[in-house]
Amino acid sequence: MHITRGLTAAIAALVLAGAATVAAAAPAPARTPPAATALLRAAAPSALADPAFCGFDSRLTPPTIREGAAGDTVSEAQCLLQLWGFYVGPRGVDGVFGPLTTSAAKAFQTSRGLPADGIIGPNTWTRLRNG
């Protein structure tokens, strides 16, 4: 009986030590800041799955857009600009590339060392989606 208790205690200790090792080795889950999560919820439900991709345009590199454009591609650009902390206007993600989206694009481009022309082309898309 004494041996069985000792063996049971030893096995329990090994199991607990193994669980602690596995828990310590597991990477910490990525956390989205609360403000970014709120923006993402307002912008697109699919954006919560991957905060670096707002989910409006599924192409690897969306087409070049500029002031006057409208649609899902503009919505994605606006969502990503907001995610990076740039103001796109009081209506937020509305799918209309107006003067405030142009200003946000220029500010983003300047912050990333890109030519600040307000046109969202391949280089700006890459930086919007990847940092």
Protein backbone atom coordinates (compact mmCIF):
# COMPACT_ATOMS: atom_id res chain seq x y z
CA MET A 1 0.00 0.00 0.00
CA HIS A 2 2.83 2.40 0.92
CA ILE A 3 4.61 1.67 -2.38
CA THR A 4 1.42 2.29 -4.37
CA ARG A 5 0.93 5.73 -2.75
CA GLY A 6 4.55 6.63 -3.40
CA LEU A 7 4.31 5.50 -7.01
CA THR A 8 1.05 7.40 -7.50
CA ALA A 9 2.61 10.55 -6.05
CA ALA A 10 5.66 10.19 -8.30
CA ILE A 11 3.50 9.73 -11.40
CA ALA A 12 1.36 12.72 -10.45
CA ALA A 13 4.48 14.85 -9.97
CA LEU A 14 5.80 13.82 -13.39
CA VAL A 15 2.47 14.58 -15.07
CA LEU A 16 2.31 18.01 -13.44
CA ALA A 17 5.92 18.77 -14.35
CA GLY A 18 5.24 17.76 -17.97
CA ALA A 19 2.12 19.93 -18.12
CA ALA A 20 4.06 22.90 -16.75
CA THR A 21 6.81 22.37 -19.34
CA VAL A 22 4.30 22.22 -22.19
CA ALA A 23 2.53 25.34 -20.92
CA ALA A 24 5.82 27.22 -20.63
CA ALA A 25 6.89 26.21 -24.14
CA ALA A 26 3.61 27.27 -25.78
CA PRO A 27 3.76 30.70 -27.40
CA ALA A 28 1.63 33.39 -25.84
CA PRO A 29 -1.46 34.16 -27.90
CA ALA A 30 -1.29 37.34 -29.96
CA ARG A 31 -3.40 40.10 -28.53
CA THR A 32 -5.09 42.83 -30.46
CA PRO A 33 -5.27 46.11 -28.55
CA PRO A 34 -8.86 46.91 -27.41
CA ALA A 35 -9.04 50.05 -29.57
CA ALA A 36 -7.97 48.11 -32.67
CA THR A 37 -10.49 45.38 -31.89
CA ALA A 38 -13.27 47.97 -31.68
CA LEU A 39 -12.22 49.43 -35.04
CA LEU A 40 -12.09 45.99 -36.57
CA ARG A 41 -15.53 45.05 -35.27
CA ALA A 42 -16.93 48.22 -36.80
CA ALA A 43 -15.11 47.64 -40.09
CA ALA A 44 -15.54 43.95 -40.90
CA PRO A 45 -16.31 40.78 -38.98
CA SER A 46 -13.62 38.82 -40.89
CA ALA A 47 -10.98 41.33 -39.79
CA LEU A 48 -11.10 39.89 -36.26
CA ALA A 49 -9.63 36.62 -37.52
CA ASP A 50 -6.50 38.32 -38.86
CA PRO A 51 -6.00 41.95 -37.83
CA ALA A 52 -3.39 42.56 -40.53
CA PHE A 53 -5.97 41.79 -43.24
CA CYS A 54 -9.27 43.62 -43.14
CA GLY A 55 -10.87 41.20 -45.58
CA PHE A 56 -12.63 43.46 -48.05
CA ASP A 57 -10.40 42.60 -51.04
CA SER A 58 -9.03 39.06 -51.17
CA ARG A 59 -6.46 39.63 -53.92
CA LEU A 60 -2.79 39.25 -53.01
CA THR A 61 -2.13 42.80 -54.21
CA PRO A 62 -5.27 44.86 -54.81
CA PRO A 63 -5.34 47.35 -57.67
CA THR A 64 -3.96 50.85 -57.34
CA ILE A 65 -6.58 53.24 -55.95
CA ARG A 66 -6.73 57.00 -55.51
CA GLU A 67 -9.14 59.77 -54.63
CA GLY A 68 -12.44 59.25 -56.43
CA ALA A 69 -12.34 55.43 -56.21
CA ALA A 70 -15.07 53.53 -54.37
CA GLY A 71 -15.85 49.97 -53.35
CA ASP A 72 -14.48 47.07 -51.34
CA THR A 73 -10.84 47.80 -52.20
CA VAL A 74 -11.20 51.32 -50.77
CA SER A 75 -12.93 49.86 -47.70
CA GLU A 76 -9.95 47.60 -47.08
CA ALA A 77 -7.50 50.48 -47.45
CA GLN A 78 -9.54 52.59 -45.02
CA CYS A 79 -9.79 49.71 -42.55
CA LEU A 80 -6.02 49.16 -42.65
CA LEU A 81 -5.29 52.89 -42.36
CA GLN A 82 -7.50 53.04 -39.27
CA LEU A 83 -5.84 49.91 -37.88
CA TRP A 84 -2.47 51.70 -38.17
CA GLY A 85 -3.96 54.74 -36.39
CA PHE A 86 -4.66 57.09 -39.30
CA TYR A 87 -7.91 59.07 -39.45
CA VAL A 88 -9.95 58.46 -42.62
CA GLY A 89 -12.89 60.66 -41.72
CA PRO A 90 -15.90 60.85 -39.42
CA ARG A 91 -17.73 58.04 -41.25
CA GLY A 92 -14.71 55.73 -40.95
CA VAL A 93 -14.76 52.81 -43.37
CA ASP A 94 -17.31 53.88 -45.97
CA GLY A 95 -15.73 52.64 -49.20
CA VAL A 96 -15.34 56.14 -50.66
CA PHE A 97 -11.81 57.42 -51.30
CA GLY A 98 -12.21 61.10 -50.49
CA PRO A 99 -9.88 63.90 -49.36
CA LEU A 100 -9.58 62.59 -45.78
CA THR A 101 -8.58 59.12 -47.01
CA THR A 102 -6.02 60.81 -49.28
CA SER A 103 -4.62 62.69 -46.27
CA ALA A 104 -4.51 59.48 -44.23
CA ALA A 105 -2.75 57.66 -47.08
CA LYS A 106 -0.17 60.44 -47.39
CA ALA A 107 0.49 60.44 -43.64
CA PHE A 108 0.84 56.64 -43.65
CA GLN A 109 3.21 56.75 -46.63
CA THR A 110 5.35 59.41 -44.94
CA SER A 111 5.50 57.32 -41.75
CA ARG A 112 6.80 54.35 -43.73
CA GLY A 113 9.30 56.23 -45.89
CA LEU A 114 7.25 55.88 -49.06
CA PRO A 115 6.59 58.67 -51.57
CA ALA A 116 3.63 60.55 -50.10
CA ASP A 117 1.37 60.88 -53.12
CA GLY A 118 -1.87 59.63 -51.52
CA ILE A 119 -2.16 56.91 -54.16
CA ILE A 120 -2.37 53.40 -52.77
CA GLY A 121 -0.38 51.19 -55.13
CA PRO A 122 1.59 47.94 -54.70
CA ASN A 123 4.24 49.33 -52.29
CA THR A 124 1.67 51.05 -50.10
CA TRP A 125 -0.54 47.93 -50.10
CA THR A 126 2.40 45.83 -48.94
CA ARG A 127 3.13 48.23 -46.09
CA LEU A 128 -0.56 48.58 -45.15
CA ARG A 129 -0.94 44.84 -44.88
CA ASN A 130 2.43 44.02 -43.32
CA GLY A 131 3.64 47.09 -41.48
